[in-house]
Each structure stands twice: as structure tokens, then as C-alpha cells.
Amino acid sequence: MEYTADEVIKQARAKGVDRCFSLATVVECQDNPAFFPVPRSTSHGFTVDLRERNPKKPSVREILHIRFDYSWRHVKRLVEWSGADVPGIEAARDRHLDTLRTETGRKDFGEVGV
């Protein structure tokens, strides 16, 4: 899926929502192992990259937003995961956390209460 921040803002305004973006917080990480809380001193979160780590490619920045109504023009690619090519989410999550700690210089990145 691909869409712009402007599209999110326009939908939010139509729903009477003034603040439609947020960082991943402790709330998201409690029931979702894909999220790590963002330390207060960090200005953004990072998406979990399911590919093997490539130091030449920077991590993708992530912010959360309100519910967004997609249309077909937002669809960029459809795939079906099957067989041996299914990514190991636990291994990807561990690589992701190591990368976050290295890239931000924060050994405590992802810990609750930071």
C-alpha cells in the first residue's frame, strides 16, 4: 500500500480529527510484537524489515496514523507468502531491534519506560 500524508490528513479533517499522526508507544507494543516503543528522545519509529539486513539500505522511518480508507489506487503490489520463503518474524524482529540500537546509538531502544 502506498499513500501520502496529505491523503491521511484530508481524511482525518473530514472526520473532525485534528491530530492524526503518532509515534509507536508502549500501548502498541503490549499486544503486538512488531512494535517497539520509541524512546522519548527519538523523533520517529522504524518499520520491521522482513528482508535480510543490508547495511547499504537505511531503515524505513515509521509513524502511526488514524484509520485510513484505502482505494485500489493505493495498492502497489500483492503477494502470497507460501512455503520456504515465508520470513521468520522472530529473526526479523531481533535483527530489527539490533539495527535500531546501532543506528540510534540507544542500547535501550525498545525497552518499556524509556
Protein backbone atom coordinates (compact mmCIF):
# COMPACT_ATOMS: atom_id res chain seq x y z
CA MET A 1 0.00 0.00 0.00
CA GLU A 2 1.24 3.48 -0.76
CA TYR A 3 -0.40 6.80 0.04
CA THR A 4 0.63 10.29 1.08
CA ALA A 5 0.49 12.05 4.43
CA ASP A 6 -1.71 14.65 2.75
CA GLU A 7 -4.30 11.95 1.97
CA VAL A 8 -4.32 10.88 5.62
CA ILE A 9 -4.68 14.49 6.78
CA LYS A 10 -7.59 15.16 4.40
CA GLN A 11 -9.46 12.07 5.60
CA ALA A 12 -8.77 13.00 9.23
CA ARG A 13 -10.09 16.53 8.76
CA ALA A 14 -13.25 15.16 7.13
CA LYS A 15 -13.75 13.07 10.29
CA GLY A 16 -13.10 16.05 12.58
CA VAL A 17 -9.69 14.76 13.74
CA ASP A 18 -7.01 17.43 14.30
CA ARG A 19 -4.06 15.20 15.22
CA CYS A 20 -3.86 12.14 13.03
CA PHE A 21 -0.21 11.00 13.45
CA SER A 22 1.63 9.42 16.38
CA LEU A 23 4.79 7.54 17.24
CA ALA A 24 4.68 3.88 18.24
CA THR A 25 4.33 3.83 22.04
CA VAL A 26 4.11 1.30 24.85
CA VAL A 27 0.42 0.88 24.01
CA GLU A 28 1.22 -0.57 20.54
CA CYS A 29 3.98 -2.88 21.76
CA GLN A 30 1.98 -4.59 24.52
CA ASP A 31 -0.12 -6.79 22.22
CA ASN A 32 1.88 -6.55 19.02
CA PRO A 33 5.41 -7.98 18.81
CA ALA A 34 6.06 -5.98 15.61
CA PHE A 35 6.26 -2.69 17.57
CA PHE A 36 8.99 -1.42 19.85
CA PRO A 37 8.26 1.70 21.90
CA VAL A 38 10.07 4.78 20.61
CA PRO A 39 12.29 6.46 23.22
CA ARG A 40 11.17 9.99 24.04
CA SER A 41 14.36 11.47 22.60
CA THR A 42 13.81 9.79 19.20
CA SER A 43 11.71 11.66 16.64
CA HIS A 44 10.34 8.61 14.79
CA GLY A 45 9.95 4.85 14.77
CA PHE A 46 11.18 2.31 12.23
CA THR A 47 9.34 -0.41 10.33
CA VAL A 48 10.37 -4.04 10.70
CA ASP A 49 12.25 -5.07 7.55
CA LEU A 50 11.47 -8.70 6.70
CA ARG A 51 14.45 -8.94 4.35
CA GLU A 52 17.94 -9.85 5.50
CA ARG A 53 19.74 -6.79 6.85
CA ASN A 54 21.54 -4.74 4.21
CA PRO A 55 23.77 -2.05 5.74
CA LYS A 56 23.65 -0.14 2.43
CA LYS A 57 19.90 0.40 2.77
CA PRO A 58 18.76 2.66 5.63
CA SER A 59 15.89 1.63 7.88
CA VAL A 60 12.48 2.94 6.89
CA ARG A 61 11.01 5.57 9.21
CA GLU A 62 7.54 4.94 10.58
CA ILE A 63 4.76 6.88 12.20
CA LEU A 64 1.28 5.64 13.03
CA HIS A 65 -1.90 7.31 11.83
CA ILE A 66 -5.63 7.09 12.23
CA ARG A 67 -7.65 4.58 10.24
CA PHE A 68 -7.24 5.27 6.54
CA ASP A 69 -9.78 4.29 3.88
CA TYR A 70 -7.77 2.72 1.05
CA SER A 71 -8.72 2.68 -2.60
CA TRP A 72 -7.42 0.46 -5.39
CA ARG A 73 -5.00 3.21 -6.47
CA HIS A 74 -3.15 2.74 -3.16
CA VAL A 75 -2.36 -0.91 -3.95
CA LYS A 76 1.20 -1.22 -5.25
CA ARG A 77 1.83 -4.97 -5.03
CA LEU A 78 0.02 -8.14 -3.97
CA VAL A 79 1.88 -11.28 -2.96
CA GLU A 80 1.08 -14.58 -1.34
CA TRP A 81 3.58 -15.96 1.17
CA SER A 82 3.97 -19.70 0.95
CA GLY A 83 6.46 -22.48 1.52
CA ALA A 84 10.08 -21.82 2.47
CA ASP A 85 10.07 -18.15 1.52
CA VAL A 86 7.91 -17.14 4.49
CA PRO A 87 10.04 -14.74 6.57
CA GLY A 88 10.92 -15.70 10.13
CA ILE A 89 9.23 -12.87 12.06
CA GLU A 90 11.14 -13.58 15.28
CA ALA A 91 14.51 -13.46 13.50
CA ALA A 92 13.44 -10.32 11.60
CA ARG A 93 12.31 -8.69 14.86
CA ASP A 94 15.64 -9.50 16.56
CA ARG A 95 17.62 -8.10 13.58
CA HIS A 96 15.35 -5.06 13.61
CA LEU A 97 15.97 -4.32 17.29
CA ASP A 98 19.75 -4.75 16.88
CA THR A 99 19.67 -2.38 13.90
CA LEU A 100 17.62 0.20 15.80
CA ARG A 101 20.01 0.16 18.72
CA THR A 102 23.00 0.51 16.40
CA GLU A 103 21.54 3.23 14.14
CA THR A 104 20.23 5.37 17.01
CA GLY A 105 23.09 4.74 19.43
CA ARG A 106 20.46 3.81 22.03
CA LYS A 107 21.19 0.47 23.73
CA ASP A 108 17.82 0.83 25.49
CA PHE A 109 15.75 1.32 22.30
CA GLY A 110 12.62 -0.83 22.53
CA GLU A 111 12.54 -1.05 26.32
CA VAL A 112 9.36 -0.03 28.10
CA GLY A 113 9.64 3.10 30.23
CA VAL A 114 12.49 4.76 28.29
